[in-house]
Amino acid sequence: MSKVYWVSSYASVSNPDALAEYSKLAGPAMIANGGKFIARGMPAAVIEAGLMERTVLIEFDSLDIAMTAYKSDAYQAALKALGDQSAVRDIRIISAI
């Protein structure tokens, strides 16, 4: 079983209050489902085509566990708190090498 990393990049945030509420709910939901926060926040530096955007990196023991976390009732409640128009973001789940 290979570890996977959930990478969230925020291109824009139009409702910081909704993002704060999402974060209060999403963090515990990820941890309850086996997620380990590795990094989160604004980049310390950007180079080449890098963008100065909020990024979150979460480690899971497997893709199945990461997907279970995403589908969990607790994380779905966090998504509801964030809403559809509060942030533009990209989420990718990649396997460790």
PDB file of N, CA and C in Angstrom:
ATOM      1  N   MET A   1       0.846  -1.171   0.000  1.00  0.00           N
ATOM      2  CA  MET A   1       0.000   0.000   0.000  1.00  0.00           C
ATOM      3  C   MET A   1       0.894   1.238   0.000  1.00  0.00           C
ATOM      4  N   SER A   2       0.676   2.119  -0.944  1.00  0.00           N
ATOM      5  CA  SER A   2       1.489   3.319  -1.097  1.00  0.00           C
ATOM      6  C   SER A   2       0.805   4.530  -0.491  1.00  0.00           C
ATOM      7  N   LYS A   3       1.569   5.331   0.223  1.00  0.00           N
ATOM      8  CA  LYS A   3       1.016   6.582   0.751  1.00  0.00           C
ATOM      9  C   LYS A   3       0.627   7.489  -0.408  1.00  0.00           C
ATOM     10  N   VAL A   4      -0.361   8.333  -0.155  1.00  0.00           N
ATOM     11  CA  VAL A   4      -0.771   9.333  -1.132  1.00  0.00           C
ATOM     12  C   VAL A   4      -0.781  10.694  -0.461  1.00  0.00           C
ATOM     13  N   TYR A   5      -0.709  11.728  -1.292  1.00  0.00           N
ATOM     14  CA  TYR A   5      -0.696  13.097  -0.812  1.00  0.00           C
ATOM     15  C   TYR A   5      -1.811  13.879  -1.488  1.00  0.00           C
ATOM     16  N   TRP A   6      -2.637  14.499  -0.673  1.00  0.00           N
ATOM     17  CA  TRP A   6      -3.744  15.352  -1.110  1.00  0.00           C
ATOM     18  C   TRP A   6      -3.174  16.755  -1.173  1.00  0.00           C
ATOM     19  N   VAL A   7      -3.184  17.343  -2.356  1.00  0.00           N
ATOM     20  CA  VAL A   7      -2.635  18.676  -2.565  1.00  0.00           C
ATOM     21  C   VAL A   7      -3.778  19.598  -2.994  1.00  0.00           C
ATOM     22  N   SER A   8      -4.053  20.601  -2.186  1.00  0.00           N
ATOM     23  CA  SER A   8      -5.074  21.602  -2.512  1.00  0.00           C
ATOM     24  C   SER A   8      -4.383  22.927  -2.778  1.00  0.00           C
ATOM     25  N   SER A   9      -4.682  23.521  -3.923  1.00  0.00           N
ATOM     26  CA  SER A   9      -4.155  24.839  -4.264  1.00  0.00           C
ATOM     27  C   SER A   9      -5.328  25.773  -4.498  1.00  0.00           C
ATOM     28  N   TYR A  10      -5.283  26.918  -3.860  1.00  0.00           N
ATOM     29  CA  TYR A  10      -6.367  27.898  -3.942  1.00  0.00           C
ATOM     30  C   TYR A  10      -5.985  29.009  -4.915  1.00  0.00           C
ATOM     31  N   ALA A  11      -6.618  29.055  -6.076  1.00  0.00           N
ATOM     32  CA  ALA A  11      -6.345  30.111  -7.054  1.00  0.00           C
ATOM     33  C   ALA A  11      -6.908  31.441  -6.575  1.00  0.00           C
ATOM     34  N   SER A  12      -8.049  31.393  -5.887  1.00  0.00           N
ATOM     35  CA  SER A  12      -8.632  32.616  -5.331  1.00  0.00           C
ATOM     36  C   SER A  12      -9.597  32.255  -4.211  1.00  0.00           C
ATOM     37  N   VAL A  13      -9.757  33.204  -3.300  1.00  0.00           N
ATOM     38  CA  VAL A  13     -10.715  33.069  -2.204  1.00  0.00           C
ATOM     39  C   VAL A  13     -11.549  34.346  -2.187  1.00  0.00           C
ATOM     40  N   SER A  14     -12.832  34.210  -2.452  1.00  0.00           N
ATOM     41  CA  SER A  14     -13.712  35.388  -2.472  1.00  0.00           C
ATOM     42  C   SER A  14     -14.489  35.561  -1.169  1.00  0.00           C
ATOM     43  N   ASN A  15     -14.509  34.521  -0.333  1.00  0.00           N
ATOM     44  CA  ASN A  15     -15.227  34.596   0.933  1.00  0.00           C
ATOM     45  C   ASN A  15     -14.345  34.007   2.046  1.00  0.00           C
ATOM     46  N   PRO A  16     -13.474  34.825   2.635  1.00  0.00           N
ATOM     47  CA  PRO A  16     -12.583  34.328   3.679  1.00  0.00           C
ATOM     48  C   PRO A  16     -13.317  33.754   4.896  1.00  0.00           C
ATOM     49  N   ASP A  17     -14.492  34.279   5.217  1.00  0.00           N
ATOM     50  CA  ASP A  17     -15.255  33.754   6.349  1.00  0.00           C
ATOM     51  C   ASP A  17     -15.711  32.320   6.084  1.00  0.00           C
ATOM     52  N   ALA A  18     -16.159  32.049   4.864  1.00  0.00           N
ATOM     53  CA  ALA A  18     -16.570  30.689   4.506  1.00  0.00           C
ATOM     54  C   ALA A  18     -15.364  29.754   4.527  1.00  0.00           C
ATOM     55  N   LEU A  19     -14.211  30.235   4.063  1.00  0.00           N
ATOM     56  CA  LEU A  19     -12.996  29.420   4.093  1.00  0.00           C
ATOM     57  C   LEU A  19     -12.605  29.097   5.537  1.00  0.00           C
ATOM     58  N   ALA A  20     -12.727  30.070   6.429  1.00  0.00           N
ATOM     59  CA  ALA A  20     -12.413  29.837   7.839  1.00  0.00           C
ATOM     60  C   ALA A  20     -13.343  28.785   8.441  1.00  0.00           C
ATOM     61  N   GLU A  21     -14.631  28.858   8.111  1.00  0.00           N
ATOM     62  CA  GLU A  21     -15.586  27.870   8.611  1.00  0.00           C
ATOM     63  C   GLU A  21     -15.283  26.490   8.030  1.00  0.00           C
ATOM     64  N   TYR A  22     -14.988  26.445   6.746  1.00  0.00           N
ATOM     65  CA  TYR A  22     -14.589  25.189   6.098  1.00  0.00           C
ATOM     66  C   TYR A  22     -13.388  24.593   6.816  1.00  0.00           C
ATOM     67  N   SER A  23     -12.371  25.414   7.080  1.00  0.00           N
ATOM     68  CA  SER A  23     -11.135  24.932   7.715  1.00  0.00           C
ATOM     69  C   SER A  23     -11.401  24.344   9.095  1.00  0.00           C
ATOM     70  N   LYS A  24     -12.297  24.968   9.857  1.00  0.00           N
ATOM     71  CA  LYS A  24     -12.642  24.455  11.188  1.00  0.00           C
ATOM     72  C   LYS A  24     -13.220  23.051  11.109  1.00  0.00           C
ATOM     73  N   LEU A  25     -13.975  22.789  10.046  1.00  0.00           N
ATOM     74  CA  LEU A  25     -14.624  21.489   9.885  1.00  0.00           C
ATOM     75  C   LEU A  25     -13.756  20.486   9.127  1.00  0.00           C
ATOM     76  N   ALA A  26     -13.045  20.958   8.114  1.00  0.00           N
ATOM     77  CA  ALA A  26     -12.281  20.063   7.242  1.00  0.00           C
ATOM     78  C   ALA A  26     -11.082  19.452   7.949  1.00  0.00           C
ATOM     79  N   GLY A  27     -10.375  20.253   8.742  1.00  0.00           N
ATOM     80  CA  GLY A  27      -9.197  19.729   9.441  1.00  0.00           C
ATOM     81  C   GLY A  27      -9.518  18.513  10.295  1.00  0.00           C
ATOM     82  N   PRO A  28     -10.470  18.628  11.219  1.00  0.00           N
ATOM     83  CA  PRO A  28     -10.835  17.459  12.023  1.00  0.00           C
ATOM     84  C   PRO A  28     -11.368  16.293  11.188  1.00  0.00           C
ATOM     85  N   ALA A  29     -12.074  16.587  10.096  1.00  0.00           N
ATOM     86  CA  ALA A  29     -12.586  15.513   9.237  1.00  0.00           C
ATOM     87  C   ALA A  29     -11.444  14.734   8.606  1.00  0.00           C
ATOM     88  N   MET A  30     -10.414  15.440   8.156  1.00  0.00           N
ATOM     89  CA  MET A  30      -9.263  14.771   7.550  1.00  0.00           C
ATOM     90  C   MET A  30      -8.511  13.937   8.593  1.00  0.00           C
ATOM     91  N   ILE A  31      -8.282  14.515   9.757  1.00  0.00           N
ATOM     92  CA  ILE A  31      -7.556  13.813  10.821  1.00  0.00           C
ATOM     93  C   ILE A  31      -8.337  12.582  11.278  1.00  0.00           C
ATOM     94  N   ALA A  32      -9.651  12.712  11.426  1.00  0.00           N
ATOM     95  CA  ALA A  32     -10.487  11.585  11.852  1.00  0.00           C
ATOM     96  C   ALA A  32     -10.454  10.443  10.849  1.00  0.00           C
ATOM     97  N   ASN A  33     -10.142  10.766   9.603  1.00  0.00           N
ATOM     98  CA  ASN A  33     -10.089   9.749   8.554  1.00  0.00           C
ATOM     99  C   ASN A  33      -8.659   9.372   8.190  1.00  0.00           C
ATOM    100  N   GLY A  34      -7.726   9.606   9.103  1.00  0.00           N
ATOM    101  CA  GLY A  34      -6.356   9.137   8.900  1.00  0.00           C
ATOM    102  C   GLY A  34      -5.424  10.113   8.215  1.00  0.00           C
ATOM    103  N   GLY A  35      -5.881  11.327   7.944  1.00  0.00           N
ATOM    104  CA  GLY A  35      -5.026  12.304   7.289  1.00  0.00           C
ATOM    105  C   GLY A  35      -4.036  12.923   8.251  1.00  0.00           C
ATOM    106  N   LYS A  36      -2.840  13.218   7.735  1.00  0.00           N
ATOM    107  CA  LYS A  36      -1.801  13.887   8.514  1.00  0.00           C
ATOM    108  C   LYS A  36      -1.403  15.150   7.752  1.00  0.00           C
ATOM    109  N   PHE A  37      -1.644  16.309   8.360  1.00  0.00           N
ATOM    110  CA  PHE A  37      -1.283  17.560   7.708  1.00  0.00           C
ATOM    111  C   PHE A  37       0.234  17.696   7.684  1.00  0.00           C
ATOM    112  N   ILE A  38       0.772  17.880   6.485  1.00  0.00           N
ATOM    113  CA  ILE A  38       2.214  18.038   6.296  1.00  0.00           C
ATOM    114  C   ILE A  38       2.553  19.524   6.184  1.00  0.00           C
ATOM    115  N   ALA A  39       1.757  20.267   5.443  1.00  0.00           N
ATOM    116  CA  ALA A  39       1.985  21.709   5.261  1.00  0.00           C
ATOM    117  C   ALA A  39       0.676  22.364   4.866  1.00  0.00           C
ATOM    118  N   ARG A  40       0.541  23.651   5.248  1.00  0.00           N
ATOM    119  CA  ARG A  40      -0.615  24.427   4.799  1.00  0.00           C
ATOM    120  C   ARG A  40      -0.308  25.898   4.997  1.00  0.00           C
ATOM    121  N   GLY A  41      -0.820  26.691   4.082  1.00  0.00           N
ATOM    122  CA  GLY A  41      -0.626  28.128   4.167  1.00  0.00           C
ATOM    123  C   GLY A  41      -0.114  28.694   2.855  1.00  0.00           C
ATOM    124  N   MET A  42       0.406  29.892   2.947  1.00  0.00           N
ATOM    125  CA  MET A  42       0.969  30.563   1.773  1.00  0.00           C
ATOM    126  C   MET A  42       2.394  30.065   1.544  1.00  0.00           C
ATOM    127  N   PRO A  43       2.846  30.003   0.286  1.00  0.00           N
ATOM    128  CA  PRO A  43       4.208  29.546   0.006  1.00  0.00           C
ATOM    129  C   PRO A  43       5.252  30.437   0.672  1.00  0.00           C
ATOM    130  N   ALA A  44       6.328  29.823   1.121  1.00  0.00           N
ATOM    131  CA  ALA A  44       7.456  30.576   1.655  1.00  0.00           C
ATOM    132  C   ALA A  44       8.181  31.289   0.517  1.00  0.00           C
ATOM    133  N   ALA A  45       8.125  30.693  -0.681  1.00  0.00           N
ATOM    134  CA  ALA A  45       8.728  31.282  -1.876  1.00  0.00           C
ATOM    135  C   ALA A  45       8.057  30.662  -3.090  1.00  0.00           C
ATOM    136  N   VAL A  46       8.027  31.394  -4.184  1.00  0.00           N
ATOM    137  CA  VAL A  46       7.548  30.846  -5.457  1.00  0.00           C
ATOM    138  C   VAL A  46       8.629  31.089  -6.501  1.00  0.00           C
ATOM    139  N   ILE A  47       8.829  30.111  -7.366  1.00  0.00           N
ATOM    140  CA  ILE A  47       9.837  30.216  -8.418  1.00  0.00           C
ATOM    141  C   ILE A  47       9.258  29.699  -9.726  1.00  0.00           C
ATOM    142  N   GLU A  48       9.928  29.991 -10.790  1.00  0.00           N
ATOM    143  CA  GLU A  48       9.497  29.625 -12.139  1.00  0.00           C
ATOM    144  C   GLU A  48       8.060  30.081 -12.354  1.00  0.00           C
ATOM    145  N   ALA A  49       7.129  29.182 -12.668  1.00  0.00           N
ATOM    146  CA  ALA A  49       5.744  29.594 -12.924  1.00  0.00           C
ATOM    147  C   ALA A  49       4.880  29.465 -11.673  1.00  0.00           C
ATOM    148  N   GLY A  50       5.499  29.375 -10.502  1.00  0.00           N
ATOM    149  CA  GLY A  50       4.768  29.217  -9.253  1.00  0.00           C
ATOM    150  C   GLY A  50       3.855  30.392  -8.969  1.00  0.00           C
ATOM    151  N   LEU A  51       2.788  30.126  -8.264  1.00  0.00           N
ATOM    152  CA  LEU A  51       1.808  31.145  -7.912  1.00  0.00           C
ATOM    153  C   LEU A  51       1.778  31.320  -6.401  1.00  0.00           C
ATOM    154  N   MET A  52       1.613  32.530  -5.953  1.00  0.00           N
ATOM    155  CA  MET A  52       1.487  32.822  -4.528  1.00  0.00           C
ATOM    156  C   MET A  52       0.044  32.540  -4.124  1.00  0.00           C
ATOM    157  N   GLU A  53      -0.244  31.266  -3.838  1.00  0.00           N
ATOM    158  CA  GLU A  53      -1.596  30.861  -3.476  1.00  0.00           C
ATOM    159  C   GLU A  53      -1.552  29.875  -2.324  1.00  0.00           C
ATOM    160  N   ARG A  54      -2.582  29.923  -1.508  1.00  0.00           N
ATOM    161  CA  ARG A  54      -2.694  29.005  -0.370  1.00  0.00           C
ATOM    162  C   ARG A  54      -2.607  27.573  -0.879  1.00  0.00           C
ATOM    163  N   THR A  55      -1.832  26.756  -0.182  1.00  0.00           N
ATOM    164  CA  THR A  55      -1.648  25.361  -0.551  1.00  0.00           C
ATOM    165  C   THR A  55      -1.732  24.510   0.710  1.00  0.00           C
ATOM    166  N   VAL A  56      -2.360  23.348   0.583  1.00  0.00           N
ATOM    167  CA  VAL A  56      -2.488  22.418   1.701  1.00  0.00           C
ATOM    168  C   VAL A  56      -1.988  21.054   1.230  1.00  0.00           C
ATOM    169  N   LEU A  57      -1.176  20.403   2.067  1.00  0.00           N
ATOM    170  CA  LEU A  57      -0.638  19.078   1.759  1.00  0.00           C
ATOM    171  C   LEU A  57      -0.981  18.143   2.909  1.00  0.00           C
ATOM    172  N   ILE A  58      -1.726  17.066   2.588  1.00  0.00           N
ATOM    173  CA  ILE A  58      -2.165  16.096   3.593  1.00  0.00           C
ATOM    174  C   ILE A  58      -1.713  14.706   3.149  1.00  0.00           C
ATOM    175  N   GLU A  59      -1.137  13.953   4.064  1.00  0.00           N
ATOM    176  CA  GLU A  59      -0.687  12.584   3.782  1.00  0.00           C
ATOM    177  C   GLU A  59      -1.741  11.585   4.258  1.00  0.00           C
ATOM    178  N   PHE A  60      -1.999  10.578   3.418  1.00  0.00           N
ATOM    179  CA  PHE A  60      -2.871   9.458   3.770  1.00  0.00           C
ATOM    180  C   PHE A  60      -2.128   8.160   3.494  1.00  0.00           C
ATOM    181  N   ASP A  61      -2.514   7.097   4.172  1.00  0.00           N
ATOM    182  CA  ASP A  61      -1.853   5.807   3.979  1.00  0.00           C
ATOM    183  C   ASP A  61      -2.209   5.131   2.659  1.00  0.00           C
ATOM    184  N   SER A  62      -3.316   5.539   2.019  1.00  0.00           N
ATOM    185  CA  SER A  62      -3.693   4.943   0.735  1.00  0.00           C
ATOM    186  C   SER A  62      -4.704   5.843   0.027  1.00  0.00           C
ATOM    187  N   LEU A  63      -4.870   5.593  -1.261  1.00  0.00           N
ATOM    188  CA  LEU A  63      -5.874   6.321  -2.035  1.00  0.00           C
ATOM    189  C   LEU A  63      -7.269   6.033  -1.498  1.00  0.00           C
ATOM    190  N   ASP A  64      -7.534   4.783  -1.145  1.00  0.00           N
ATOM    191  CA  ASP A  64      -8.861   4.432  -0.609  1.00  0.00           C
ATOM    192  C   ASP A  64      -9.181   5.238   0.646  1.00  0.00           C
ATOM    193  N   ILE A  65      -8.202   5.405   1.518  1.00  0.00           N
ATOM    194  CA  ILE A  65      -8.423   6.159   2.750  1.00  0.00           C
ATOM    195  C   ILE A  65      -8.669   7.637   2.430  1.00  0.00           C
ATOM    196  N   ALA A  66      -7.900   8.184   1.501  1.00  0.00           N
ATOM    197  CA  ALA A  66      -8.090   9.590   1.105  1.00  0.00           C
ATOM    198  C   ALA A  66      -9.479   9.797   0.509  1.00  0.00           C
ATOM    199  N   MET A  67      -9.922   8.877  -0.318  1.00  0.00           N
ATOM    200  CA  MET A  67     -11.237   9.012  -0.937  1.00  0.00           C
ATOM    201  C   MET A  67     -12.351   8.823   0.094  1.00  0.00           C
ATOM    202  N   THR A  68     -12.134   7.948   1.066  1.00  0.00           N
ATOM    203  CA  THR A  68     -13.104   7.789   2.153  1.00  0.00           C
ATOM    204  C   THR A  68     -13.208   9.089   2.941  1.00  0.00           C
ATOM    205  N   ALA A  69     -12.075   9.742   3.185  1.00  0.00           N
ATOM    206  CA  ALA A  69     -12.075  11.032   3.883  1.00  0.00           C
ATOM    207  C   ALA A  69     -12.878  12.053   3.093  1.00  0.00           C
ATOM    208  N   TYR A  70     -12.660  12.109   1.780  1.00  0.00           N
ATOM    209  CA  TYR A  70     -13.379  13.063   0.943  1.00  0.00           C
ATOM    210  C   TYR A  70     -14.885  12.818   0.995  1.00  0.00           C
ATOM    211  N   LYS A  71     -15.277  11.573   0.951  1.00  0.00           N
ATOM    212  CA  LYS A  71     -16.699  11.218   0.904  1.00  0.00           C
ATOM    213  C   LYS A  71     -17.374  11.211   2.278  1.00  0.00           C
ATOM    214  N   SER A  72     -16.595  11.370   3.345  1.00  0.00           N
ATOM    215  CA  SER A  72     -17.158  11.292   4.700  1.00  0.00           C
ATOM    216  C   SER A  72     -18.193  12.391   4.938  1.00  0.00           C
ATOM    217  N   ASP A  73     -19.123  12.095   5.815  1.00  0.00           N
ATOM    218  CA  ASP A  73     -20.149  13.082   6.166  1.00  0.00           C
ATOM    219  C   ASP A  73     -19.517  14.349   6.738  1.00  0.00           C
ATOM    220  N   ALA A  74     -18.480  14.184   7.538  1.00  0.00           N
ATOM    221  CA  ALA A  74     -17.840  15.344   8.162  1.00  0.00           C
ATOM    222  C   ALA A  74     -17.188  16.248   7.112  1.00  0.00           C
ATOM    223  N   TYR A  75     -16.517  15.665   6.119  1.00  0.00           N
ATOM    224  CA  TYR A  75     -15.890  16.494   5.094  1.00  0.00           C
ATOM    225  C   TYR A  75     -16.940  17.102   4.168  1.00  0.00           C
ATOM    226  N   GLN A  76     -17.999  16.374   3.884  1.00  0.00           N
ATOM    227  CA  GLN A  76     -19.065  16.924   3.054  1.00  0.00           C
ATOM    228  C   GLN A  76     -19.729  18.116   3.751  1.00  0.00           C
ATOM    229  N   ALA A  77     -19.815  18.084   5.085  1.00  0.00           N
ATOM    230  CA  ALA A  77     -20.333  19.235   5.832  1.00  0.00           C
ATOM    231  C   ALA A  77     -19.387  20.426   5.686  1.00  0.00           C
ATOM    232  N   ALA A  78     -18.081  20.155   5.677  1.00  0.00           N
ATOM    233  CA  ALA A  78     -17.101  21.228   5.475  1.00  0.00           C
ATOM    234  C   ALA A  78     -17.265  21.844   4.090  1.00  0.00           C
ATOM    235  N   LEU A  79     -17.457  21.015   3.080  1.00  0.00           N
ATOM    236  CA  LEU A  79     -17.668  21.528   1.721  1.00  0.00           C
ATOM    237  C   LEU A  79     -18.935  22.376   1.640  1.00  0.00           C
ATOM    238  N   LYS A  80     -19.965  21.955   2.342  1.00  0.00           N
ATOM    239  CA  LYS A  80     -21.204  22.735   2.358  1.00  0.00           C
ATOM    240  C   LYS A  80     -20.956  24.102   2.983  1.00  0.00           C
ATOM    241  N   ALA A  81     -20.163  24.153   4.041  1.00  0.00           N
ATOM    242  CA  ALA A  81     -19.837  25.426   4.692  1.00  0.00           C
ATOM    243  C   ALA A  81     -19.029  26.321   3.753  1.00  0.00           C
ATOM    244  N   LEU A  82     -18.159  25.732   2.935  1.00  0.00           N
ATOM    245  CA  LEU A  82     -17.363  26.503   1.983  1.00  0.00           C
ATOM    246  C   LEU A  82     -18.243  27.073   0.884  1.00  0.00           C
ATOM    247  N   GLY A  83     -19.198  26.284   0.424  1.00  0.00           N
ATOM    248  CA  GLY A  83     -20.088  26.743  -0.648  1.00  0.00           C
ATOM    249  C   GLY A  83     -19.426  26.655  -2.015  1.00  0.00           C
ATOM    250  N   ASP A  84     -20.207  26.903  -3.039  1.00  0.00           N
ATOM    251  CA  ASP A  84     -19.737  26.766  -4.419  1.00  0.00           C
ATOM    252  C   ASP A  84     -18.976  27.980  -4.930  1.00  0.00           C
ATOM    253  N   GLN A  85     -19.205  29.150  -4.356  1.00  0.00           N
ATOM    254  CA  GLN A  85     -18.641  30.377  -4.909  1.00  0.00           C
ATOM    255  C   GLN A  85     -17.587  31.032  -4.016  1.00  0.00           C
ATOM    256  N   SER A  86     -17.186  30.390  -2.936  1.00  0.00           N
ATOM    257  CA  SER A  86     -16.289  31.025  -1.970  1.00  0.00           C
ATOM    258  C   SER A  86     -14.814  30.937  -2.340  1.00  0.00           C
ATOM    259  N   ALA A  87     -14.459  29.924  -3.112  1.00  0.00           N
ATOM    260  CA  ALA A  87     -13.051  29.731  -3.471  1.00  0.00           C
ATOM    261  C   ALA A  87     -12.950  28.957  -4.779  1.00  0.00           C
ATOM    262  N   VAL A  88     -11.907  29.277  -5.524  1.00  0.00           N
ATOM    263  CA  VAL A  88     -11.550  28.490  -6.708  1.00  0.00           C
ATOM    264  C   VAL A  88     -10.312  27.714  -6.312  1.00  0.00           C
ATOM    265  N   ARG A  89     -10.404  26.393  -6.378  1.00  0.00           N
ATOM    266  CA  ARG A  89      -9.273  25.579  -5.943  1.00  0.00           C
ATOM    267  C   ARG A  89      -9.138  24.334  -6.781  1.00  0.00           C
ATOM    268  N   ASP A  90      -7.967  23.776  -6.698  1.00  0.00           N
ATOM    269  CA  ASP A  90      -7.610  22.567  -7.430  1.00  0.00           C
ATOM    270  C   ASP A  90      -7.159  21.553  -6.394  1.00  0.00           C
ATOM    271  N   ILE A  91      -7.763  20.370  -6.404  1.00  0.00           N
ATOM    272  CA  ILE A  91      -7.352  19.315  -5.482  1.00  0.00           C
ATOM    273  C   ILE A  91      -6.840  18.141  -6.308  1.00  0.00           C
ATOM    274  N   ARG A  92      -5.646  17.694  -5.953  1.00  0.00           N
ATOM    275  CA  ARG A  92      -5.045  16.524  -6.616  1.00  0.00           C
ATOM    276  C   ARG A  92      -4.585  15.557  -5.551  1.00  0.00           C
ATOM    277  N   ILE A  93      -4.731  14.268  -5.834  1.00  0.00           N
ATOM    278  CA  ILE A  93      -4.214  13.248  -4.941  1.00  0.00           C
ATOM    279  C   ILE A  93      -3.154  12.483  -5.726  1.00  0.00           C
ATOM    280  N   ILE A  94      -1.931  12.511  -5.205  1.00  0.00           N
ATOM    281  CA  ILE A  94      -0.819  11.884  -5.913  1.00  0.00           C
ATOM    282  C   ILE A  94      -0.191  10.803  -5.043  1.00  0.00           C
ATOM    283  N   SER A  95       0.338   9.774  -5.680  1.00  0.00           N
ATOM    284  CA  SER A  95       0.980   8.674  -4.979  1.00  0.00           C
ATOM    285  C   SER A  95       2.432   8.999  -4.655  1.00  0.00           C
ATOM    286  N   ALA A  96       2.873   8.505  -3.507  1.00  0.00           N
ATOM    287  CA  ALA A  96       4.284   8.643  -3.134  1.00  0.00           C
ATOM    288  C   ALA A  96       5.124   7.776  -4.070  1.00  0.00           C
ATOM    289  N   ILE A  97       6.364   8.173  -4.229  1.00  0.00           N
ATOM    290  CA  ILE A  97       7.259   7.367  -5.080  1.00  0.00           C
ATOM    291  C   ILE A  97       8.114   6.455  -4.238  1.00  0.00           C
TER     292      ILE A  97
END
